[in-house]
Amino acid sequence: SSLFINCGGPAYTSIDGRKYEADMDARGESFFVNHDTWAMSSSGMFMDIGSGTYLVSNTSTLSMKADPTLYTKARISPTTMTYYGLCLQNGNYTVELHFAELMFTNGPTFTSIGERIFDIYIQ
């Protein structure tokens, strides 16, 4: 079976028929959310953008071969964000992770300077 999560976005069926589950719970600086087949935890507080800003929206036009609707919303976390697949049996799995930059622009201002550095652990 497959598990698709629209991190930070609503439930969505992609153009190829994949059914993504919604992930729009934004409870604050530290929380844990449990669903039927997955869970997620997030912690940390953004000191410069205010409390409660843990879901962001894309305001630019995306040009990509992939379904751009999946890249219009995202979940952000300043410290840790962990997703858990629940009740998975031992075996081999194919994991696909998709990313789009929603926070930084391509313009000549301070908002265009940035990069994402993160670790991914799969076990």
PDB file of N, CA and C in Angstrom:
ATOM      1  N   SER A   1       0.843  -1.184   0.000  1.00  0.00           N
ATOM      2  CA  SER A   1       0.000   0.000   0.000  1.00  0.00           C
ATOM      3  C   SER A   1       0.884   1.241   0.000  1.00  0.00           C
ATOM      4  N   SER A   2       0.304   2.369  -0.347  1.00  0.00           N
ATOM      5  CA  SER A   2       1.053   3.620  -0.484  1.00  0.00           C
ATOM      6  C   SER A   2       0.579   4.651   0.519  1.00  0.00           C
ATOM      7  N   LEU A   3       1.453   5.576   0.823  1.00  0.00           N
ATOM      8  CA  LEU A   3       1.146   6.665   1.748  1.00  0.00           C
ATOM      9  C   LEU A   3       1.612   7.957   1.104  1.00  0.00           C
ATOM     10  N   PHE A   4       0.685   8.892   0.911  1.00  0.00           N
ATOM     11  CA  PHE A   4       0.997  10.187   0.325  1.00  0.00           C
ATOM     12  C   PHE A   4       0.493  11.272   1.281  1.00  0.00           C
ATOM     13  N   ILE A   5       1.365  12.214   1.623  1.00  0.00           N
ATOM     14  CA  ILE A   5       1.011  13.291   2.545  1.00  0.00           C
ATOM     15  C   ILE A   5       1.305  14.619   1.860  1.00  0.00           C
ATOM     16  N   ASN A   6       0.330  15.511   1.836  1.00  0.00           N
ATOM     17  CA  ASN A   6       0.524  16.859   1.308  1.00  0.00           C
ATOM     18  C   ASN A   6       0.947  17.740   2.482  1.00  0.00           C
ATOM     19  N   CYS A   7       2.228  17.770   2.765  1.00  0.00           N
ATOM     20  CA  CYS A   7       2.772  18.441   3.954  1.00  0.00           C
ATOM     21  C   CYS A   7       2.434  19.926   3.957  1.00  0.00           C
ATOM     22  N   GLY A   8       1.579  20.315   4.877  1.00  0.00           N
ATOM     23  CA  GLY A   8       1.155  21.701   4.994  1.00  0.00           C
ATOM     24  C   GLY A   8      -0.037  22.053   4.127  1.00  0.00           C
ATOM     25  N   GLY A   9      -0.556  21.090   3.374  1.00  0.00           N
ATOM     26  CA  GLY A   9      -1.641  21.389   2.446  1.00  0.00           C
ATOM     27  C   GLY A   9      -2.861  20.527   2.661  1.00  0.00           C
ATOM     28  N   PRO A  10      -3.911  20.793   1.873  1.00  0.00           N
ATOM     29  CA  PRO A  10      -5.172  20.055   2.004  1.00  0.00           C
ATOM     30  C   PRO A  10      -5.097  18.691   1.332  1.00  0.00           C
ATOM     31  N   ALA A  11      -6.119  17.873   1.565  1.00  0.00           N
ATOM     32  CA  ALA A  11      -6.235  16.595   0.852  1.00  0.00           C
ATOM     33  C   ALA A  11      -6.311  16.899  -0.637  1.00  0.00           C
ATOM     34  N   TYR A  12      -5.699  16.041  -1.435  1.00  0.00           N
ATOM     35  CA  TYR A  12      -5.601  16.336  -2.863  1.00  0.00           C
ATOM     36  C   TYR A  12      -5.409  15.042  -3.644  1.00  0.00           C
ATOM     37  N   THR A  13      -6.054  14.935  -4.783  1.00  0.00           N
ATOM     38  CA  THR A  13      -5.818  13.830  -5.705  1.00  0.00           C
ATOM     39  C   THR A  13      -5.038  14.382  -6.884  1.00  0.00           C
ATOM     40  N   SER A  14      -3.853  13.850  -7.098  1.00  0.00           N
ATOM     41  CA  SER A  14      -2.969  14.360  -8.143  1.00  0.00           C
ATOM     42  C   SER A  14      -3.462  13.961  -9.528  1.00  0.00           C
ATOM     43  N   ILE A  15      -2.855  14.545 -10.546  1.00  0.00           N
ATOM     44  CA  ILE A  15      -3.275  14.256 -11.915  1.00  0.00           C
ATOM     45  C   ILE A  15      -3.016  12.801 -12.298  1.00  0.00           C
ATOM     46  N   ASP A  16      -2.125  12.112 -11.563  1.00  0.00           N
ATOM     47  CA  ASP A  16      -1.892  10.690 -11.839  1.00  0.00           C
ATOM     48  C   ASP A  16      -2.677   9.775 -10.890  1.00  0.00           C
ATOM     49  N   GLY A  17      -3.616  10.348 -10.107  1.00  0.00           N
ATOM     50  CA  GLY A  17      -4.517   9.548  -9.286  1.00  0.00           C
ATOM     51  C   GLY A  17      -4.056   9.263  -7.871  1.00  0.00           C
ATOM     52  N   ARG A  18      -2.922   9.798  -7.454  1.00  0.00           N
ATOM     53  CA  ARG A  18      -2.455   9.578  -6.083  1.00  0.00           C
ATOM     54  C   ARG A  18      -3.275  10.432  -5.127  1.00  0.00           C
ATOM     55  N   LYS A  19      -3.752   9.807  -4.040  1.00  0.00           N
ATOM     56  CA  LYS A  19      -4.570  10.519  -3.057  1.00  0.00           C
ATOM     57  C   LYS A  19      -3.693  10.943  -1.880  1.00  0.00           C
ATOM     58  N   TYR A  20      -3.434  12.251  -1.792  1.00  0.00           N
ATOM     59  CA  TYR A  20      -2.609  12.819  -0.729  1.00  0.00           C
ATOM     60  C   TYR A  20      -3.492  13.188   0.452  1.00  0.00           C
ATOM     61  N   GLU A  21      -3.055  12.819   1.642  1.00  0.00           N
ATOM     62  CA  GLU A  21      -3.784  13.176   2.854  1.00  0.00           C
ATOM     63  C   GLU A  21      -3.422  14.603   3.258  1.00  0.00           C
ATOM     64  N   ALA A  22      -4.383  15.280   3.871  1.00  0.00           N
ATOM     65  CA  ALA A  22      -4.168  16.650   4.337  1.00  0.00           C
ATOM     66  C   ALA A  22      -3.223  16.668   5.535  1.00  0.00           C
ATOM     67  N   ASP A  23      -2.448  17.732   5.640  1.00  0.00           N
ATOM     68  CA  ASP A  23      -1.560  17.954   6.779  1.00  0.00           C
ATOM     69  C   ASP A  23      -1.573  19.451   7.075  1.00  0.00           C
ATOM     70  N   MET A  24      -2.678  19.927   7.621  1.00  0.00           N
ATOM     71  CA  MET A  24      -2.842  21.361   7.835  1.00  0.00           C
ATOM     72  C   MET A  24      -2.982  21.751   9.298  1.00  0.00           C
ATOM     73  N   ASP A  25      -2.721  20.844  10.207  1.00  0.00           N
ATOM     74  CA  ASP A  25      -2.825  21.144  11.629  1.00  0.00           C
ATOM     75  C   ASP A  25      -1.651  22.040  12.034  1.00  0.00           C
ATOM     76  N   ALA A  26      -1.938  23.194  12.576  1.00  0.00           N
ATOM     77  CA  ALA A  26      -0.890  24.131  13.004  1.00  0.00           C
ATOM     78  C   ALA A  26      -1.165  24.554  14.438  1.00  0.00           C
ATOM     79  N   ARG A  27      -0.795  23.727  15.366  1.00  0.00           N
ATOM     80  CA  ARG A  27      -1.134  23.967  16.771  1.00  0.00           C
ATOM     81  C   ARG A  27      -0.183  24.909  17.486  1.00  0.00           C
ATOM     82  N   GLY A  28       0.973  25.163  16.958  1.00  0.00           N
ATOM     83  CA  GLY A  28       1.887  26.071  17.643  1.00  0.00           C
ATOM     84  C   GLY A  28       3.301  25.550  17.678  1.00  0.00           C
ATOM     85  N   GLU A  29       4.042  26.005  18.679  1.00  0.00           N
ATOM     86  CA  GLU A  29       5.480  25.761  18.742  1.00  0.00           C
ATOM     87  C   GLU A  29       5.868  24.300  18.901  1.00  0.00           C
ATOM     88  N   SER A  30       5.090  23.509  19.600  1.00  0.00           N
ATOM     89  CA  SER A  30       5.456  22.122  19.844  1.00  0.00           C
ATOM     90  C   SER A  30       4.188  21.270  19.893  1.00  0.00           C
ATOM     91  N   PHE A  31       4.098  20.292  18.999  1.00  0.00           N
ATOM     92  CA  PHE A  31       2.915  19.447  19.005  1.00  0.00           C
ATOM     93  C   PHE A  31       3.171  18.118  18.308  1.00  0.00           C
ATOM     94  N   PHE A  32       2.266  17.192  18.532  1.00  0.00           N
ATOM     95  CA  PHE A  32       2.278  15.863  17.918  1.00  0.00           C
ATOM     96  C   PHE A  32       0.883  15.592  17.383  1.00  0.00           C
ATOM     97  N   VAL A  33       0.778  15.139  16.152  1.00  0.00           N
ATOM     98  CA  VAL A  33      -0.506  14.828  15.528  1.00  0.00           C
ATOM     99  C   VAL A  33      -0.479  13.384  15.081  1.00  0.00           C
ATOM    100  N   ASN A  34      -1.535  12.632  15.398  1.00  0.00           N
ATOM    101  CA  ASN A  34      -1.614  11.224  15.052  1.00  0.00           C
ATOM    102  C   ASN A  34      -2.789  10.999  14.100  1.00  0.00           C
ATOM    103  N   HIS A  35      -2.515  10.372  12.959  1.00  0.00           N
ATOM    104  CA  HIS A  35      -3.544   9.999  11.987  1.00  0.00           C
ATOM    105  C   HIS A  35      -3.609   8.479  11.916  1.00  0.00           C
ATOM    106  N   ASP A  36      -4.454   7.934  11.069  1.00  0.00           N
ATOM    107  CA  ASP A  36      -4.609   6.477  10.975  1.00  0.00           C
ATOM    108  C   ASP A  36      -3.322   5.782  10.538  1.00  0.00           C
ATOM    109  N   THR A  37      -2.672   6.288   9.502  1.00  0.00           N
ATOM    110  CA  THR A  37      -1.500   5.609   8.937  1.00  0.00           C
ATOM    111  C   THR A  37      -0.204   6.376   9.096  1.00  0.00           C
ATOM    112  N   TRP A  38      -0.251   7.579   9.676  1.00  0.00           N
ATOM    113  CA  TRP A  38       0.960   8.368   9.857  1.00  0.00           C
ATOM    114  C   TRP A  38       0.779   9.344  11.011  1.00  0.00           C
ATOM    115  N   ALA A  39       1.900   9.877  11.450  1.00  0.00           N
ATOM    116  CA  ALA A  39       1.898  10.876  12.520  1.00  0.00           C
ATOM    117  C   ALA A  39       3.005  11.876  12.223  1.00  0.00           C
ATOM    118  N   MET A  40       2.972  13.023  12.879  1.00  0.00           N
ATOM    119  CA  MET A  40       4.051  13.999  12.723  1.00  0.00           C
ATOM    120  C   MET A  40       4.220  14.780  14.005  1.00  0.00           C
ATOM    121  N   SER A  41       5.447  15.199  14.235  1.00  0.00           N
ATOM    122  CA  SER A  41       5.724  16.067  15.372  1.00  0.00           C
ATOM    123  C   SER A  41       6.550  17.242  14.879  1.00  0.00           C
ATOM    124  N   SER A  42       6.387  18.356  15.545  1.00  0.00           N
ATOM    125  CA  SER A  42       7.108  19.566  15.188  1.00  0.00           C
ATOM    126  C   SER A  42       7.428  20.327  16.457  1.00  0.00           C
ATOM    127  N   SER A  43       8.598  20.955  16.473  1.00  0.00           N
ATOM    128  CA  SER A  43       8.947  21.776  17.636  1.00  0.00           C
ATOM    129  C   SER A  43       9.802  22.951  17.190  1.00  0.00           C
ATOM    130  N   GLY A  44       9.792  23.976  17.995  1.00  0.00           N
ATOM    131  CA  GLY A  44      10.581  25.168  17.734  1.00  0.00           C
ATOM    132  C   GLY A  44       9.699  26.378  17.536  1.00  0.00           C
ATOM    133  N   MET A  45      10.265  27.556  17.807  1.00  0.00           N
ATOM    134  CA  MET A  45       9.535  28.805  17.681  1.00  0.00           C
ATOM    135  C   MET A  45      10.318  29.755  16.789  1.00  0.00           C
ATOM    136  N   PHE A  46       9.640  30.325  15.815  1.00  0.00           N
ATOM    137  CA  PHE A  46      10.261  31.338  14.965  1.00  0.00           C
ATOM    138  C   PHE A  46      10.307  32.647  15.740  1.00  0.00           C
ATOM    139  N   MET A  47      11.472  33.141  15.998  1.00  0.00           N
ATOM    140  CA  MET A  47      11.612  34.367  16.790  1.00  0.00           C
ATOM    141  C   MET A  47      11.284  35.622  15.984  1.00  0.00           C
ATOM    142  N   ASP A  48      11.451  35.544  14.659  1.00  0.00           N
ATOM    143  CA  ASP A  48      11.310  36.759  13.856  1.00  0.00           C
ATOM    144  C   ASP A  48      10.016  36.869  13.062  1.00  0.00           C
ATOM    145  N   ILE A  49       9.235  35.807  12.947  1.00  0.00           N
ATOM    146  CA  ILE A  49       8.022  35.908  12.128  1.00  0.00           C
ATOM    147  C   ILE A  49       6.739  35.717  12.928  1.00  0.00           C
ATOM    148  N   GLY A  50       6.844  35.607  14.210  1.00  0.00           N
ATOM    149  CA  GLY A  50       5.646  35.548  15.030  1.00  0.00           C
ATOM    150  C   GLY A  50       5.143  34.147  15.278  1.00  0.00           C
ATOM    151  N   SER A  51       4.306  34.049  16.252  1.00  0.00           N
ATOM    152  CA  SER A  51       3.748  32.767  16.656  1.00  0.00           C
ATOM    153  C   SER A  51       2.664  32.324  15.690  1.00  0.00           C
ATOM    154  N   GLY A  52       2.568  31.036  15.483  1.00  0.00           N
ATOM    155  CA  GLY A  52       1.501  30.488  14.678  1.00  0.00           C
ATOM    156  C   GLY A  52       1.764  30.430  13.185  1.00  0.00           C
ATOM    157  N   THR A  53       2.959  30.822  12.740  1.00  0.00           N
ATOM    158  CA  THR A  53       3.262  30.807  11.314  1.00  0.00           C
ATOM    159  C   THR A  53       4.025  29.541  10.973  1.00  0.00           C
ATOM    160  N   TYR A  54       3.309  28.438  10.869  1.00  0.00           N
ATOM    161  CA  TYR A  54       3.953  27.153  10.599  1.00  0.00           C
ATOM    162  C   TYR A  54       3.467  26.511   9.310  1.00  0.00           C
ATOM    163  N   LEU A  55       2.527  27.177   8.627  1.00  0.00           N
ATOM    164  CA  LEU A  55       2.079  26.762   7.302  1.00  0.00           C
ATOM    165  C   LEU A  55       2.247  27.964   6.380  1.00  0.00           C
ATOM    166  N   VAL A  56       2.870  27.753   5.227  1.00  0.00           N
ATOM    167  CA  VAL A  56       3.096  28.850   4.291  1.00  0.00           C
ATOM    168  C   VAL A  56       2.480  28.528   2.941  1.00  0.00           C
ATOM    169  N   SER A  57       2.210  29.577   2.168  1.00  0.00           N
ATOM    170  CA  SER A  57       1.642  29.426   0.832  1.00  0.00           C
ATOM    171  C   SER A  57       2.585  30.010  -0.196  1.00  0.00           C
ATOM    172  N   ASN A  58       2.567  29.425  -1.368  1.00  0.00           N
ATOM    173  CA  ASN A  58       3.371  29.899  -2.477  1.00  0.00           C
ATOM    174  C   ASN A  58       2.594  30.975  -3.225  1.00  0.00           C
ATOM    175  N   THR A  59       3.244  32.095  -3.517  1.00  0.00           N
ATOM    176  CA  THR A  59       2.576  33.171  -4.240  1.00  0.00           C
ATOM    177  C   THR A  59       3.137  33.346  -5.644  1.00  0.00           C
ATOM    178  N   SER A  60       4.123  32.553  -6.019  1.00  0.00           N
ATOM    179  CA  SER A  60       4.716  32.685  -7.347  1.00  0.00           C
ATOM    180  C   SER A  60       4.188  31.597  -8.278  1.00  0.00           C
ATOM    181  N   THR A  61       4.461  31.744  -9.554  1.00  0.00           N
ATOM    182  CA  THR A  61       4.080  30.744 -10.540  1.00  0.00           C
ATOM    183  C   THR A  61       5.182  29.708 -10.641  1.00  0.00           C
ATOM    184  N   LEU A  62       4.805  28.457 -10.526  1.00  0.00           N
ATOM    185  CA  LEU A  62       5.781  27.378 -10.601  1.00  0.00           C
ATOM    186  C   LEU A  62       5.791  26.808 -12.012  1.00  0.00           C
ATOM    187  N   SER A  63       6.979  26.595 -12.526  1.00  0.00           N
ATOM    188  CA  SER A  63       7.095  25.969 -13.844  1.00  0.00           C
ATOM    189  C   SER A  63       7.845  24.660 -13.660  1.00  0.00           C
ATOM    190  N   MET A  64       7.106  23.571 -13.676  1.00  0.00           N
ATOM    191  CA  MET A  64       7.701  22.261 -13.482  1.00  0.00           C
ATOM    192  C   MET A  64       6.832  21.229 -14.165  1.00  0.00           C
ATOM    193  N   LYS A  65       7.439  20.085 -14.434  1.00  0.00           N
ATOM    194  CA  LYS A  65       6.687  18.997 -15.054  1.00  0.00           C
ATOM    195  C   LYS A  65       5.734  18.356 -14.053  1.00  0.00           C
ATOM    196  N   ALA A  66       6.122  18.342 -12.791  1.00  0.00           N
ATOM    197  CA  ALA A  66       5.284  17.741 -11.747  1.00  0.00           C
ATOM    198  C   ALA A  66       4.025  18.585 -11.546  1.00  0.00           C
ATOM    199  N   ASP A  67       3.069  18.023 -10.857  1.00  0.00           N
ATOM    200  CA  ASP A  67       1.800  18.684 -10.563  1.00  0.00           C
ATOM    201  C   ASP A  67       2.056  19.892  -9.651  1.00  0.00           C
ATOM    202  N   PRO A  68       1.968  21.134 -10.157  1.00  0.00           N
ATOM    203  CA  PRO A  68       2.313  22.302  -9.337  1.00  0.00           C
ATOM    204  C   PRO A  68       1.373  22.542  -8.161  1.00  0.00           C
ATOM    205  N   THR A  69       0.157  21.982  -8.176  1.00  0.00           N
ATOM    206  CA  THR A  69      -0.784  22.179  -7.077  1.00  0.00           C
ATOM    207  C   THR A  69      -0.207  21.659  -5.762  1.00  0.00           C
ATOM    208  N   LEU A  70       0.587  20.595  -5.830  1.00  0.00           N
ATOM    209  CA  LEU A  70       1.175  20.030  -4.613  1.00  0.00           C
ATOM    210  C   LEU A  70       2.223  20.941  -3.982  1.00  0.00           C
ATOM    211  N   TYR A  71       2.665  21.948  -4.700  1.00  0.00           N
ATOM    212  CA  TYR A  71       3.739  22.803  -4.209  1.00  0.00           C
ATOM    213  C   TYR A  71       3.255  24.207  -3.867  1.00  0.00           C
ATOM    214  N   THR A  72       1.978  24.359  -3.592  1.00  0.00           N
ATOM    215  CA  THR A  72       1.450  25.678  -3.255  1.00  0.00           C
ATOM    216  C   THR A  72       1.391  25.927  -1.751  1.00  0.00           C
ATOM    217  N   LYS A  73       1.473  24.888  -0.951  1.00  0.00           N
ATOM    218  CA  LYS A  73       1.440  25.024   0.509  1.00  0.00           C
ATOM    219  C   LYS A  73       2.542  24.158   1.097  1.00  0.00           C
ATOM    220  N   ALA A  74       3.048  24.553   2.266  1.00  0.00           N
ATOM    221  CA  ALA A  74       4.103  23.773   2.914  1.00  0.00           C
ATOM    222  C   ALA A  74       4.050  23.969   4.424  1.00  0.00           C
ATOM    223  N   ARG A  75       4.591  23.003   5.122  1.00  0.00           N
ATOM    224  CA  ARG A  75       4.764  23.089   6.572  1.00  0.00           C
ATOM    225  C   ARG A  75       6.208  23.496   6.826  1.00  0.00           C
ATOM    226  N   ILE A  76       6.416  24.411   7.768  1.00  0.00           N
ATOM    227  CA  ILE A  76       7.766  24.821   8.136  1.00  0.00           C
ATOM    228  C   ILE A  76       7.978  24.643   9.632  1.00  0.00           C
ATOM    229  N   SER A  77       9.225  24.472  10.009  1.00  0.00           N
ATOM    230  CA  SER A  77       9.571  24.314  11.416  1.00  0.00           C
ATOM    231  C   SER A  77      11.006  24.808  11.607  1.00  0.00           C
ATOM    232  N   PRO A  78      11.258  25.607  12.638  1.00  0.00           N
ATOM    233  CA  PRO A  78      12.609  26.124  12.833  1.00  0.00           C
ATOM    234  C   PRO A  78      13.576  25.129  13.456  1.00  0.00           C
ATOM    235  N   THR A  79      13.066  24.106  14.125  1.00  0.00           N
ATOM    236  CA  THR A  79      13.956  23.201  14.850  1.00  0.00           C
ATOM    237  C   THR A  79      13.827  21.771  14.355  1.00  0.00           C
ATOM    238  N   THR A  80      12.728  21.110  14.665  1.00  0.00           N
ATOM    239  CA  THR A  80      12.568  19.721  14.241  1.00  0.00           C
ATOM    240  C   THR A  80      11.179  19.491  13.670  1.00  0.00           C
ATOM    241  N   MET A  81      11.134  18.643  12.661  1.00  0.00           N
ATOM    242  CA  MET A  81       9.877  18.202  12.084  1.00  0.00           C
ATOM    243  C   MET A  81      10.088  16.737  11.697  1.00  0.00           C
ATOM    244  N   THR A  82       9.229  15.872  12.215  1.00  0.00           N
ATOM    245  CA  THR A  82       9.390  14.438  11.985  1.00  0.00           C
ATOM    246  C   THR A  82       8.060  13.843  11.550  1.00  0.00           C
ATOM    247  N   TYR A  83       8.107  13.065  10.490  1.00  0.00           N
ATOM    248  CA  TYR A  83       6.941  12.325  10.023  1.00  0.00           C
ATOM    249  C   TYR A  83       7.179  10.844  10.292  1.00  0.00           C
ATOM    250  N   TYR A  84       6.119  10.151  10.691  1.00  0.00           N
ATOM    251  CA  TYR A  84       6.193   8.732  11.008  1.00  0.00           C
ATOM    252  C   TYR A  84       5.172   7.978  10.162  1.00  0.00           C
ATOM    253  N   GLY A  85       5.598   6.933   9.469  1.00  0.00           N
ATOM    254  CA  GLY A  85       4.678   6.004   8.819  1.00  0.00           C
ATOM    255  C   GLY A  85       4.335   4.940   9.858  1.00  0.00           C
ATOM    256  N   LEU A  86       3.061   4.754  10.140  1.00  0.00           N
ATOM    257  CA  LEU A  86       2.652   3.846  11.214  1.00  0.00           C
ATOM    258  C   LEU A  86       2.328   2.452  10.686  1.00  0.00           C
ATOM    259  N   CYS A  87       2.658   1.453  11.490  1.00  0.00           N
ATOM    260  CA  CYS A  87       2.331   0.048  11.234  1.00  0.00           C
ATOM    261  C   CYS A  87       2.884  -0.466   9.908  1.00  0.00           C
ATOM    262  N   LEU A  88       4.085  -0.047   9.575  1.00  0.00           N
ATOM    263  CA  LEU A  88       4.731  -0.544   8.362  1.00  0.00           C
ATOM    264  C   LEU A  88       5.386  -1.886   8.661  1.00  0.00           C
ATOM    265  N   GLN A  89       5.219  -2.833   7.769  1.00  0.00           N
ATOM    266  CA  GLN A  89       5.841  -4.138   7.938  1.00  0.00           C
ATOM    267  C   GLN A  89       7.298  -4.070   7.496  1.00  0.00           C
ATOM    268  N   ASN A  90       8.108  -4.980   8.010  1.00  0.00           N
ATOM    269  CA  ASN A  90       9.494  -5.060   7.563  1.00  0.00           C
ATOM    270  C   ASN A  90       9.525  -5.328   6.071  1.00  0.00           C
ATOM    271  N   GLY A  91      10.450  -4.694   5.381  1.00  0.00           N
ATOM    272  CA  GLY A  91      10.554  -4.903   3.940  1.00  0.00           C
ATOM    273  C   GLY A  91      11.221  -3.732   3.266  1.00  0.00           C
ATOM    274  N   ASN A  92      11.266  -3.778   1.968  1.00  0.00           N
ATOM    275  CA  ASN A  92      11.846  -2.714   1.165  1.00  0.00           C
ATOM    276  C   ASN A  92      10.752  -1.745   0.724  1.00  0.00           C
ATOM    277  N   TYR A  93      11.059  -0.473   0.780  1.00  0.00           N
ATOM    278  CA  TYR A  93      10.111   0.562   0.407  1.00  0.00           C
ATOM    279  C   TYR A  93      10.785   1.546  -0.537  1.00  0.00           C
ATOM    280  N   THR A  94       9.996   2.140  -1.401  1.00  0.00           N
ATOM    281  CA  THR A  94      10.456   3.248  -2.231  1.00  0.00           C
ATOM    282  C   THR A  94       9.936   4.527  -1.596  1.00  0.00           C
ATOM    283  N   VAL A  95      10.837   5.455  -1.308  1.00  0.00           N
ATOM    284  CA  VAL A  95      10.469   6.720  -0.681  1.00  0.00           C
ATOM    285  C   VAL A  95      10.795   7.842  -1.655  1.00  0.00           C
ATOM    286  N   GLU A  96       9.795   8.650  -1.975  1.00  0.00           N
ATOM    287  CA  GLU A  96      10.002   9.800  -2.844  1.00  0.00           C
ATOM    288  C   GLU A  96       9.711  11.064  -2.041  1.00  0.00           C
ATOM    289  N   LEU A  97      10.655  11.969  -2.005  1.00  0.00           N
ATOM    290  CA  LEU A  97      10.486  13.244  -1.320  1.00  0.00           C
ATOM    291  C   LEU A  97      10.526  14.351  -2.368  1.00  0.00           C
ATOM    292  N   HIS A  98       9.581  15.281  -2.281  1.00  0.00           N
ATOM    293  CA  HIS A  98       9.508  16.379  -3.243  1.00  0.00           C
ATOM    294  C   HIS A  98       9.614  17.697  -2.481  1.00  0.00           C
ATOM    295  N   PHE A  99      10.367  18.638  -3.026  1.00  0.00           N
ATOM    296  CA  PHE A  99      10.573  19.925  -2.373  1.00  0.00           C
ATOM    297  C   PHE A  99      10.418  21.058  -3.373  1.00  0.00           C
ATOM    298  N   ALA A 100       9.955  22.191  -2.893  1.00  0.00           N
ATOM    299  CA  ALA A 100       9.908  23.421  -3.681  1.00  0.00           C
ATOM    300  C   ALA A 100      10.213  24.573  -2.731  1.00  0.00           C
ATOM    301  N   GLU A 101      10.939  25.560  -3.194  1.00  0.00           N
ATOM    302  CA  GLU A 101      11.259  26.736  -2.375  1.00  0.00           C
ATOM    303  C   GLU A 101      10.074  27.690  -2.399  1.00  0.00           C
ATOM    304  N   LEU A 102       9.444  27.876  -1.248  1.00  0.00           N
ATOM    305  CA  LEU A 102       8.288  28.765  -1.147  1.00  0.00           C
ATOM    306  C   LEU A 102       8.583  30.048  -0.387  1.00  0.00           C
ATOM    307  N   MET A 103       9.708  30.111   0.288  1.00  0.00           N
ATOM    308  CA  MET A 103       9.988  31.239   1.168  1.00  0.00           C
ATOM    309  C   MET A 103      10.872  32.307   0.538  1.00  0.00           C
ATOM    310  N   PHE A 104      11.839  31.910  -0.252  1.00  0.00           N
ATOM    311  CA  PHE A 104      12.793  32.856  -0.802  1.00  0.00           C
ATOM    312  C   PHE A 104      12.468  33.149  -2.257  1.00  0.00           C
ATOM    313  N   THR A 105      12.682  34.400  -2.664  1.00  0.00           N
ATOM    314  CA  THR A 105      12.397  34.809  -4.035  1.00  0.00           C
ATOM    315  C   THR A 105      13.692  34.836  -4.839  1.00  0.00           C
ATOM    316  N   ASN A 106      13.578  35.092  -6.118  1.00  0.00           N
ATOM    317  CA  ASN A 106      14.754  35.212  -6.980  1.00  0.00           C
ATOM    318  C   ASN A 106      15.175  36.656  -7.177  1.00  0.00           C
ATOM    319  N   GLY A 107      14.571  37.581  -6.463  1.00  0.00           N
ATOM    320  CA  GLY A 107      14.870  38.997  -6.631  1.00  0.00           C
ATOM    321  C   GLY A 107      16.172  39.413  -5.964  1.00  0.00           C
ATOM    322  N   PRO A 108      16.546  40.687  -6.124  1.00  0.00           N
ATOM    323  CA  PRO A 108      17.812  41.185  -5.577  1.00  0.00           C
ATOM    324  C   PRO A 108      17.713  41.704  -4.136  1.00  0.00           C
ATOM    325  N   THR A 109      16.743  41.247  -3.351  1.00  0.00           N
ATOM    326  CA  THR A 109      16.591  41.728  -1.987  1.00  0.00           C
ATOM    327  C   THR A 109      17.057  40.674  -0.988  1.00  0.00           C
ATOM    328  N   PHE A 110      16.996  41.017   0.286  1.00  0.00           N
ATOM    329  CA  PHE A 110      17.421  40.084   1.328  1.00  0.00           C
ATOM    330  C   PHE A 110      16.575  38.820   1.340  1.00  0.00           C
ATOM    331  N   THR A 111      15.351  38.885   0.813  1.00  0.00           N
ATOM    332  CA  THR A 111      14.494  37.699   0.817  1.00  0.00           C
ATOM    333  C   THR A 111      14.921  36.656  -0.205  1.00  0.00           C
ATOM    334  N   SER A 112      15.864  36.990  -1.063  1.00  0.00           N
ATOM    335  CA  SER A 112      16.325  36.004  -2.050  1.00  0.00           C
ATOM    336  C   SER A 112      17.565  35.267  -1.589  1.00  0.00           C
ATOM    337  N   ILE A 113      18.121  35.654  -0.465  1.00  0.00           N
ATOM    338  CA  ILE A 113      19.339  35.016   0.029  1.00  0.00           C
ATOM    339  C   ILE A 113      18.947  33.928   1.008  1.00  0.00           C
ATOM    340  N   GLY A 114      19.249  32.709   0.702  1.00  0.00           N
ATOM    341  CA  GLY A 114      18.929  31.626   1.623  1.00  0.00           C
ATOM    342  C   GLY A 114      19.110  30.270   0.983  1.00  0.00           C
ATOM    343  N   GLU A 115      19.238  29.311   1.817  1.00  0.00           N
ATOM    344  CA  GLU A 115      19.310  27.931   1.363  1.00  0.00           C
ATOM    345  C   GLU A 115      18.774  27.048   2.463  1.00  0.00           C
ATOM    346  N   ARG A 116      18.386  25.883   2.094  1.00  0.00           N
ATOM    347  CA  ARG A 116      17.865  24.927   3.061  1.00  0.00           C
ATOM    348  C   ARG A 116      18.941  23.888   3.348  1.00  0.00           C
ATOM    349  N   ILE A 117      19.190  23.681   4.601  1.00  0.00           N
ATOM    350  CA  ILE A 117      20.101  22.619   5.032  1.00  0.00           C
ATOM    351  C   ILE A 117      19.319  21.764   6.013  1.00  0.00           C
ATOM    352  N   PHE A 118      19.227  20.472   5.734  1.00  0.00           N
ATOM    353  CA  PHE A 118      18.480  19.603   6.614  1.00  0.00           C
ATOM    354  C   PHE A 118      18.975  18.177   6.459  1.00  0.00           C
ATOM    355  N   ASP A 119      18.628  17.356   7.428  1.00  0.00           N
ATOM    356  CA  ASP A 119      18.971  15.944   7.416  1.00  0.00           C
ATOM    357  C   ASP A 119      17.698  15.139   7.237  1.00  0.00           C
ATOM    358  N   ILE A 120      17.825  14.023   6.550  1.00  0.00           N
ATOM    359  CA  ILE A 120      16.711  13.095   6.381  1.00  0.00           C
ATOM    360  C   ILE A 120      17.165  11.744   6.896  1.00  0.00           C
ATOM    361  N   TYR A 121      16.412  11.202   7.840  1.00  0.00           N
ATOM    362  CA  TYR A 121      16.697   9.873   8.389  1.00  0.00           C
ATOM    363  C   TYR A 121      15.533   8.954   8.058  1.00  0.00           C
ATOM    364  N   ILE A 122      15.844   7.824   7.462  1.00  0.00           N
ATOM    365  CA  ILE A 122      14.817   6.833   7.164  1.00  0.00           C
ATOM    366  C   ILE A 122      15.300   5.512   7.732  1.00  0.00           C
ATOM    367  N   GLN A 123      14.489   4.940   8.588  1.00  0.00           N
ATOM    368  CA  GLN A 123      14.876   3.638   9.153  1.00  0.00           C
ATOM    369  C   GLN A 123      13.682   2.726   9.235  1.00  0.00           C
TER     370      GLN A 123
END
